Amino acid sequence: WGRYKRILRGMGWVTALVVAITLGFLFREYGLVSINLYIATALGIAGTMMLTTALMGLVFLSSGTGHDHAVVDPLADEDK
């Protein structure tokens, strides 16, 4: 779980950087349009990136611990 937490922590920083850059770009291009635009943009980007990171991190965790090799394929014995 330590590796998983490191992945989440690192991607949390990357996500914060991407959100800050995006909000800066929006403010530079459009000014203060509506605070709701900035909140929705920040939550949408952060939520998408962190959910993707969490799910891919679980895939890497499962693959690294050998849980994927424990799955039995019931169709492997059938003739093709």
PDB file of N, CA and C in Angstrom:
ATOM      1  N   TRP A   1       0.810  -1.200   0.000  1.00  0.00           N
ATOM      2  CA  TRP A   1       0.000   0.000   0.000  1.00  0.00           C
ATOM      3  C   TRP A   1       0.851   1.261   0.000  1.00  0.00           C
ATOM      4  N   GLY A   2       2.108   1.127   0.398  1.00  0.00           N
ATOM      5  CA  GLY A   2       2.988   2.292   0.396  1.00  0.00           C
ATOM      6  C   GLY A   2       3.201   2.840  -1.002  1.00  0.00           C
ATOM      7  N   ARG A   3       3.386   1.935  -1.961  1.00  0.00           N
ATOM      8  CA  ARG A   3       3.565   2.360  -3.362  1.00  0.00           C
ATOM      9  C   ARG A   3       2.317   3.062  -3.868  1.00  0.00           C
ATOM     10  N   TYR A   4       1.158   2.534  -3.517  1.00  0.00           N
ATOM     11  CA  TYR A   4      -0.118   3.124  -3.932  1.00  0.00           C
ATOM     12  C   TYR A   4      -0.268   4.534  -3.368  1.00  0.00           C
ATOM     13  N   LYS A   5       0.079   4.699  -2.106  1.00  0.00           N
ATOM     14  CA  LYS A   5      -0.026   6.015  -1.475  1.00  0.00           C
ATOM     15  C   LYS A   5       0.954   7.010  -2.101  1.00  0.00           C
ATOM     16  N   ARG A   6       2.155   6.528  -2.464  1.00  0.00           N
ATOM     17  CA  ARG A   6       3.118   7.409  -3.133  1.00  0.00           C
ATOM     18  C   ARG A   6       2.597   7.856  -4.497  1.00  0.00           C
ATOM     19  N   ILE A   7       1.975   6.927  -5.223  1.00  0.00           N
ATOM     20  CA  ILE A   7       1.403   7.276  -6.530  1.00  0.00           C
ATOM     21  C   ILE A   7       0.317   8.328  -6.358  1.00  0.00           C
ATOM     22  N   LEU A   8      -0.573   8.125  -5.385  1.00  0.00           N
ATOM     23  CA  LEU A   8      -1.652   9.097  -5.155  1.00  0.00           C
ATOM     24  C   LEU A   8      -1.106  10.455  -4.726  1.00  0.00           C
ATOM     25  N   ARG A   9      -0.111  10.442  -3.846  1.00  0.00           N
ATOM     26  CA  ARG A   9       0.456  11.700  -3.377  1.00  0.00           C
ATOM     27  C   ARG A   9       1.128  12.456  -4.530  1.00  0.00           C
ATOM     28  N   GLY A  10       1.909  11.745  -5.322  1.00  0.00           N
ATOM     29  CA  GLY A  10       2.586  12.384  -6.451  1.00  0.00           C
ATOM     30  C   GLY A  10       1.602  12.941  -7.465  1.00  0.00           C
ATOM     31  N   MET A  11       0.593  12.156  -7.794  1.00  0.00           N
ATOM     32  CA  MET A  11      -0.401  12.625  -8.764  1.00  0.00           C
ATOM     33  C   MET A  11      -1.287  13.720  -8.169  1.00  0.00           C
ATOM     34  N   GLY A  12      -1.410  13.758  -6.859  1.00  0.00           N
ATOM     35  CA  GLY A  12      -2.128  14.874  -6.223  1.00  0.00           C
ATOM     36  C   GLY A  12      -1.421  16.192  -6.494  1.00  0.00           C
ATOM     37  N   TRP A  13      -0.081  16.171  -6.398  1.00  0.00           N
ATOM     38  CA  TRP A  13       0.698  17.377  -6.700  1.00  0.00           C
ATOM     39  C   TRP A  13       0.617  17.733  -8.177  1.00  0.00           C
ATOM     40  N   VAL A  14       0.689  16.737  -9.034  1.00  0.00           N
ATOM     41  CA  VAL A  14       0.576  16.990 -10.478  1.00  0.00           C
ATOM     42  C   VAL A  14      -0.807  17.560 -10.800  1.00  0.00           C
ATOM     43  N   THR A  15      -1.832  16.995 -10.176  1.00  0.00           N
ATOM     44  CA  THR A  15      -3.201  17.474 -10.388  1.00  0.00           C
ATOM     45  C   THR A  15      -3.344  18.923  -9.940  1.00  0.00           C
ATOM     46  N   ALA A  16      -2.796  19.255  -8.776  1.00  0.00           N
ATOM     47  CA  ALA A  16      -2.868  20.636  -8.286  1.00  0.00           C
ATOM     48  C   ALA A  16      -2.176  21.590  -9.255  1.00  0.00           C
ATOM     49  N   LEU A  17      -1.042  21.158  -9.805  1.00  0.00           N
ATOM     50  CA  LEU A  17      -0.325  21.987 -10.774  1.00  0.00           C
ATOM     51  C   LEU A  17      -1.137  22.177 -12.054  1.00  0.00           C
ATOM     52  N   VAL A  18      -1.730  21.107 -12.557  1.00  0.00           N
ATOM     53  CA  VAL A  18      -2.542  21.195 -13.776  1.00  0.00           C
ATOM     54  C   VAL A  18      -3.756  22.092 -13.553  1.00  0.00           C
ATOM     55  N   VAL A  19      -4.406  21.956 -12.404  1.00  0.00           N
ATOM     56  CA  VAL A  19      -5.573  22.798 -12.094  1.00  0.00           C
ATOM     57  C   VAL A  19      -5.150  24.260 -12.020  1.00  0.00           C
ATOM     58  N   ALA A  20      -4.039  24.546 -11.356  1.00  0.00           N
ATOM     59  CA  ALA A  20      -3.577  25.930 -11.239  1.00  0.00           C
ATOM     60  C   ALA A  20      -3.244  26.523 -12.606  1.00  0.00           C
ATOM     61  N   ILE A  21      -2.567  25.748 -13.446  1.00  0.00           N
ATOM     62  CA  ILE A  21      -2.226  26.237 -14.792  1.00  0.00           C
ATOM     63  C   ILE A  21      -3.487  26.488 -15.606  1.00  0.00           C
ATOM     64  N   THR A  22      -4.448  25.570 -15.528  1.00  0.00           N
ATOM     65  CA  THR A  22      -5.693  25.721 -16.279  1.00  0.00           C
ATOM     66  C   THR A  22      -6.489  26.924 -15.805  1.00  0.00           C
ATOM     67  N   LEU A  23      -6.598  27.103 -14.488  1.00  0.00           N
ATOM     68  CA  LEU A  23      -7.337  28.253 -13.971  1.00  0.00           C
ATOM     69  C   LEU A  23      -6.634  29.560 -14.326  1.00  0.00           C
ATOM     70  N   GLY A  24      -5.310  29.553 -14.306  1.00  0.00           N
ATOM     71  CA  GLY A  24      -4.569  30.742 -14.720  1.00  0.00           C
ATOM     72  C   GLY A  24      -4.809  31.072 -16.182  1.00  0.00           C
ATOM     73  N   PHE A  25      -4.815  30.033 -17.023  1.00  0.00           N
ATOM     74  CA  PHE A  25      -5.097  30.238 -18.444  1.00  0.00           C
ATOM     75  C   PHE A  25      -6.508  30.794 -18.647  1.00  0.00           C
ATOM     76  N   LEU A  26      -7.492  30.219 -17.956  1.00  0.00           N
ATOM     77  CA  LEU A  26      -8.872  30.712 -18.095  1.00  0.00           C
ATOM     78  C   LEU A  26      -8.992  32.160 -17.639  1.00  0.00           C
ATOM     79  N   PHE A  27      -8.335  32.486 -16.534  1.00  0.00           N
ATOM     80  CA  PHE A  27      -8.410  33.857 -16.033  1.00  0.00           C
ATOM     81  C   PHE A  27      -7.726  34.824 -16.997  1.00  0.00           C
ATOM     82  N   ARG A  28      -6.602  34.405 -17.578  1.00  0.00           N
ATOM     83  CA  ARG A  28      -5.881  35.266 -18.521  1.00  0.00           C
ATOM     84  C   ARG A  28      -6.698  35.495 -19.797  1.00  0.00           C
ATOM     85  N   GLU A  29      -7.379  34.455 -20.271  1.00  0.00           N
ATOM     86  CA  GLU A  29      -8.133  34.563 -21.523  1.00  0.00           C
ATOM     87  C   GLU A  29      -9.489  35.253 -21.345  1.00  0.00           C
ATOM     88  N   TYR A  30     -10.193  34.965 -20.233  1.00  0.00           N
ATOM     89  CA  TYR A  30     -11.578  35.419 -20.093  1.00  0.00           C
ATOM     90  C   TYR A  30     -11.810  36.350 -18.911  1.00  0.00           C
ATOM     91  N   GLY A  31     -10.853  36.509 -18.040  1.00  0.00           N
ATOM     92  CA  GLY A  31     -11.046  37.359 -16.872  1.00  0.00           C
ATOM     93  C   GLY A  31     -11.947  36.667 -15.856  1.00  0.00           C
ATOM     94  N   LEU A  32     -12.497  37.458 -14.960  1.00  0.00           N
ATOM     95  CA  LEU A  32     -13.367  36.907 -13.921  1.00  0.00           C
ATOM     96  C   LEU A  32     -14.794  36.814 -14.468  1.00  0.00           C
ATOM     97  N   VAL A  33     -15.079  35.720 -15.178  1.00  0.00           N
ATOM     98  CA  VAL A  33     -16.392  35.525 -15.784  1.00  0.00           C
ATOM     99  C   VAL A  33     -17.410  35.201 -14.707  1.00  0.00           C
ATOM    100  N   SER A  34     -17.229  34.090 -14.078  1.00  0.00           N
ATOM    101  CA  SER A  34     -18.111  33.645 -13.008  1.00  0.00           C
ATOM    102  C   SER A  34     -17.310  32.720 -12.113  1.00  0.00           C
ATOM    103  N   ILE A  35     -17.476  32.851 -10.834  1.00  0.00           N
ATOM    104  CA  ILE A  35     -16.753  31.992  -9.903  1.00  0.00           C
ATOM    105  C   ILE A  35     -17.175  30.535 -10.090  1.00  0.00           C
ATOM    106  N   ASN A  36     -18.410  30.327 -10.526  1.00  0.00           N
ATOM    107  CA  ASN A  36     -18.893  28.960 -10.753  1.00  0.00           C
ATOM    108  C   ASN A  36     -18.118  28.253 -11.859  1.00  0.00           C
ATOM    109  N   LEU A  37     -17.691  28.999 -12.877  1.00  0.00           N
ATOM    110  CA  LEU A  37     -16.877  28.430 -13.948  1.00  0.00           C
ATOM    111  C   LEU A  37     -15.560  27.904 -13.401  1.00  0.00           C
ATOM    112  N   TYR A  38     -14.924  28.670 -12.546  1.00  0.00           N
ATOM    113  CA  TYR A  38     -13.633  28.272 -11.994  1.00  0.00           C
ATOM    114  C   TYR A  38     -13.771  27.103 -11.022  1.00  0.00           C
ATOM    115  N   ILE A  39     -14.810  27.115 -10.219  1.00  0.00           N
ATOM    116  CA  ILE A  39     -15.040  26.009  -9.280  1.00  0.00           C
ATOM    117  C   ILE A  39     -15.338  24.726 -10.034  1.00  0.00           C
ATOM    118  N   ALA A  40     -16.214  24.800 -11.028  1.00  0.00           N
ATOM    119  CA  ALA A  40     -16.572  23.603 -11.800  1.00  0.00           C
ATOM    120  C   ALA A  40     -15.370  23.062 -12.575  1.00  0.00           C
ATOM    121  N   THR A  41     -14.571  23.957 -13.137  1.00  0.00           N
ATOM    122  CA  THR A  41     -13.390  23.528 -13.872  1.00  0.00           C
ATOM    123  C   THR A  41     -12.394  22.840 -12.950  1.00  0.00           C
ATOM    124  N   ALA A  42     -12.134  23.437 -11.804  1.00  0.00           N
ATOM    125  CA  ALA A  42     -11.183  22.860 -10.854  1.00  0.00           C
ATOM    126  C   ALA A  42     -11.665  21.507 -10.347  1.00  0.00           C
ATOM    127  N   LEU A  43     -12.933  21.406  -9.990  1.00  0.00           N
ATOM    128  CA  LEU A  43     -13.462  20.135  -9.488  1.00  0.00           C
ATOM    129  C   LEU A  43     -13.513  19.075 -10.581  1.00  0.00           C
ATOM    130  N   GLY A  44     -13.855  19.481 -11.791  1.00  0.00           N
ATOM    131  CA  GLY A  44     -13.916  18.523 -12.890  1.00  0.00           C
ATOM    132  C   GLY A  44     -12.551  17.948 -13.237  1.00  0.00           C
ATOM    133  N   ILE A  45     -11.557  18.817 -13.341  1.00  0.00           N
ATOM    134  CA  ILE A  45     -10.209  18.352 -13.668  1.00  0.00           C
ATOM    135  C   ILE A  45      -9.645  17.516 -12.526  1.00  0.00           C
ATOM    136  N   ALA A  46      -9.746  18.022 -11.305  1.00  0.00           N
ATOM    137  CA  ALA A  46      -9.188  17.306 -10.156  1.00  0.00           C
ATOM    138  C   ALA A  46      -9.897  15.971  -9.937  1.00  0.00           C
ATOM    139  N   GLY A  47     -11.197  15.959 -10.052  1.00  0.00           N
ATOM    140  CA  GLY A  47     -11.936  14.713  -9.861  1.00  0.00           C
ATOM    141  C   GLY A  47     -11.594  13.669 -10.901  1.00  0.00           C
ATOM    142  N   THR A  48     -11.515  14.093 -12.153  1.00  0.00           N
ATOM    143  CA  THR A  48     -11.183  13.161 -13.229  1.00  0.00           C
ATOM    144  C   THR A  48      -9.771  12.613 -13.079  1.00  0.00           C
ATOM    145  N   MET A  49      -8.818  13.495 -12.816  1.00  0.00           N
ATOM    146  CA  MET A  49      -7.434  13.042 -12.699  1.00  0.00           C
ATOM    147  C   MET A  49      -7.227  12.142 -11.492  1.00  0.00           C
ATOM    148  N   MET A  50      -7.826  12.471 -10.358  1.00  0.00           N
ATOM    149  CA  MET A  50      -7.611  11.666  -9.162  1.00  0.00           C
ATOM    150  C   MET A  50      -8.361  10.339  -9.224  1.00  0.00           C
ATOM    151  N   LEU A  51      -9.537  10.321  -9.842  1.00  0.00           N
ATOM    152  CA  LEU A  51     -10.249   9.056 -10.001  1.00  0.00           C
ATOM    153  C   LEU A  51      -9.482   8.131 -10.934  1.00  0.00           C
ATOM    154  N   THR A  52      -8.966   8.684 -12.023  1.00  0.00           N
ATOM    155  CA  THR A  52      -8.157   7.893 -12.947  1.00  0.00           C
ATOM    156  C   THR A  52      -6.904   7.375 -12.254  1.00  0.00           C
ATOM    157  N   THR A  53      -6.265   8.219 -11.466  1.00  0.00           N
ATOM    158  CA  THR A  53      -5.066   7.807 -10.730  1.00  0.00           C
ATOM    159  C   THR A  53      -5.382   6.703  -9.736  1.00  0.00           C
ATOM    160  N   ALA A  54      -6.485   6.837  -9.014  1.00  0.00           N
ATOM    161  CA  ALA A  54      -6.853   5.827  -8.022  1.00  0.00           C
ATOM    162  C   ALA A  54      -7.122   4.475  -8.680  1.00  0.00           C
ATOM    163  N   LEU A  55      -7.853   4.473  -9.771  1.00  0.00           N
ATOM    164  CA  LEU A  55      -8.173   3.208 -10.433  1.00  0.00           C
ATOM    165  C   LEU A  55      -6.949   2.577 -11.080  1.00  0.00           C
ATOM    166  N   MET A  56      -6.126   3.377 -11.757  1.00  0.00           N
ATOM    167  CA  MET A  56      -4.915   2.826 -12.360  1.00  0.00           C
ATOM    168  C   MET A  56      -3.925   2.386 -11.287  1.00  0.00           C
ATOM    169  N   GLY A  57      -3.880   3.098 -10.175  1.00  0.00           N
ATOM    170  CA  GLY A  57      -3.023   2.686  -9.068  1.00  0.00           C
ATOM    171  C   GLY A  57      -3.437   1.338  -8.509  1.00  0.00           C
ATOM    172  N   LEU A  58      -4.742   1.093  -8.437  1.00  0.00           N
ATOM    173  CA  LEU A  58      -5.224  -0.211  -7.977  1.00  0.00           C
ATOM    174  C   LEU A  58      -4.870  -1.311  -8.964  1.00  0.00           C
ATOM    175  N   VAL A  59      -4.900  -1.005 -10.249  1.00  0.00           N
ATOM    176  CA  VAL A  59      -4.492  -1.991 -11.257  1.00  0.00           C
ATOM    177  C   VAL A  59      -3.016  -2.336 -11.072  1.00  0.00           C
ATOM    178  N   PHE A  60      -2.174  -1.321 -10.883  1.00  0.00           N
ATOM    179  CA  PHE A  60      -0.745  -1.574 -10.684  1.00  0.00           C
ATOM    180  C   PHE A  60      -0.503  -2.324  -9.382  1.00  0.00           C
ATOM    181  N   LEU A  61      -1.259  -1.990  -8.332  1.00  0.00           N
ATOM    182  CA  LEU A  61      -1.120  -2.677  -7.055  1.00  0.00           C
ATOM    183  C   LEU A  61      -1.502  -4.143  -7.190  1.00  0.00           C
ATOM    184  N   SER A  62      -2.593  -4.414  -7.859  1.00  0.00           N
ATOM    185  CA  SER A  62      -3.053  -5.787  -8.057  1.00  0.00           C
ATOM    186  C   SER A  62      -2.057  -6.577  -8.891  1.00  0.00           C
ATOM    187  N   SER A  63      -1.527  -5.959  -9.924  1.00  0.00           N
ATOM    188  CA  SER A  63      -0.560  -6.632 -10.785  1.00  0.00           C
ATOM    189  C   SER A  63       0.747  -6.896 -10.043  1.00  0.00           C
ATOM    190  N   GLY A  64       1.180  -5.959  -9.243  1.00  0.00           N
ATOM    191  CA  GLY A  64       2.447  -6.091  -8.540  1.00  0.00           C
ATOM    192  C   GLY A  64       2.433  -7.087  -7.404  1.00  0.00           C
ATOM    193  N   THR A  65       1.261  -7.349  -6.812  1.00  0.00           N
ATOM    194  CA  THR A  65       1.187  -8.268  -5.682  1.00  0.00           C
ATOM    195  C   THR A  65       0.892  -9.695  -6.102  1.00  0.00           C
ATOM    196  N   GLY A  66       0.597  -9.932  -7.361  1.00  0.00           N
ATOM    197  CA  GLY A  66       0.346 -11.286  -7.834  1.00  0.00           C
ATOM    198  C   GLY A  66      -1.106 -11.720  -7.775  1.00  0.00           C
ATOM    199  N   HIS A  67      -1.997 -10.813  -7.428  1.00  0.00           N
ATOM    200  CA  HIS A  67      -3.413 -11.179  -7.369  1.00  0.00           C
ATOM    201  C   HIS A  67      -3.963 -11.548  -8.738  1.00  0.00           C
ATOM    202  N   ASP A  68      -3.401 -10.980  -9.786  1.00  0.00           N
ATOM    203  CA  ASP A  68      -3.881 -11.278 -11.134  1.00  0.00           C
ATOM    204  C   ASP A  68      -3.530 -12.693 -11.563  1.00  0.00           C
ATOM    205  N   HIS A  69      -2.458 -13.245 -11.019  1.00  0.00           N
ATOM    206  CA  HIS A  69      -2.033 -14.597 -11.399  1.00  0.00           C
ATOM    207  C   HIS A  69      -2.853 -15.671 -10.701  1.00  0.00           C
ATOM    208  N   ALA A  70      -3.574 -15.295  -9.647  1.00  0.00           N
ATOM    209  CA  ALA A  70      -4.356 -16.267  -8.892  1.00  0.00           C
ATOM    210  C   ALA A  70      -5.699 -16.576  -9.555  1.00  0.00           C
ATOM    211  N   VAL A  71      -6.064 -15.845 -10.576  1.00  0.00           N
ATOM    212  CA  VAL A  71      -7.337 -16.049 -11.255  1.00  0.00           C
ATOM    213  C   VAL A  71      -7.254 -17.306 -12.122  1.00  0.00           C
ATOM    214  N   VAL A  72      -8.274 -18.159 -11.994  1.00  0.00           N
ATOM    215  CA  VAL A  72      -8.315 -19.393 -12.768  1.00  0.00           C
ATOM    216  C   VAL A  72      -9.214 -19.173 -13.978  1.00  0.00           C
ATOM    217  N   ASP A  73      -8.733 -19.555 -15.143  1.00  0.00           N
ATOM    218  CA  ASP A  73      -9.513 -19.423 -16.370  1.00  0.00           C
ATOM    219  C   ASP A  73     -10.242 -20.749 -16.624  1.00  0.00           C
ATOM    220  N   PRO A  74     -11.567 -20.800 -16.468  1.00  0.00           N
ATOM    221  CA  PRO A  74     -12.283 -22.060 -16.641  1.00  0.00           C
ATOM    222  C   PRO A  74     -12.313 -22.540 -18.102  1.00  0.00           C
ATOM    223  N   LEU A  75     -12.039 -21.658 -19.031  1.00  0.00           N
ATOM    224  CA  LEU A  75     -12.077 -22.032 -20.458  1.00  0.00           C
ATOM    225  C   LEU A  75     -10.727 -22.503 -20.973  1.00  0.00           C
ATOM    226  N   ALA A  76      -9.701 -22.487 -20.135  1.00  0.00           N
ATOM    227  CA  ALA A  76      -8.361 -22.848 -20.583  1.00  0.00           C
ATOM    228  C   ALA A  76      -8.239 -24.330 -20.913  1.00  0.00           C
ATOM    229  N   ASP A  77      -9.063 -25.193 -20.310  1.00  0.00           N
ATOM    230  CA  ASP A  77      -8.982 -26.624 -20.526  1.00  0.00           C
ATOM    231  C   ASP A  77      -9.757 -27.097 -21.750  1.00  0.00           C
ATOM    232  N   GLU A  78     -10.609 -26.277 -22.298  1.00  0.00           N
ATOM    233  CA  GLU A  78     -11.428 -26.696 -23.447  1.00  0.00           C
ATOM    234  C   GLU A  78     -10.603 -26.734 -24.717  1.00  0.00           C
ATOM    235  N   ASP A  79     -10.994 -27.645 -25.617  1.00  0.00           N
ATOM    236  CA  ASP A  79     -10.336 -27.717 -26.921  1.00  0.00           C
ATOM    237  C   ASP A  79     -10.777 -26.548 -27.777  1.00  0.00           C
ATOM    238  N   LYS A  80      -9.892 -26.101 -28.610  1.00  0.00           N
ATOM    239  CA  LYS A  80     -10.217 -24.920 -29.422  1.00  0.00           C
ATOM    240  C   LYS A  80     -10.618 -25.318 -30.803  1.00  0.00           C
TER     241      LYS A  80
END
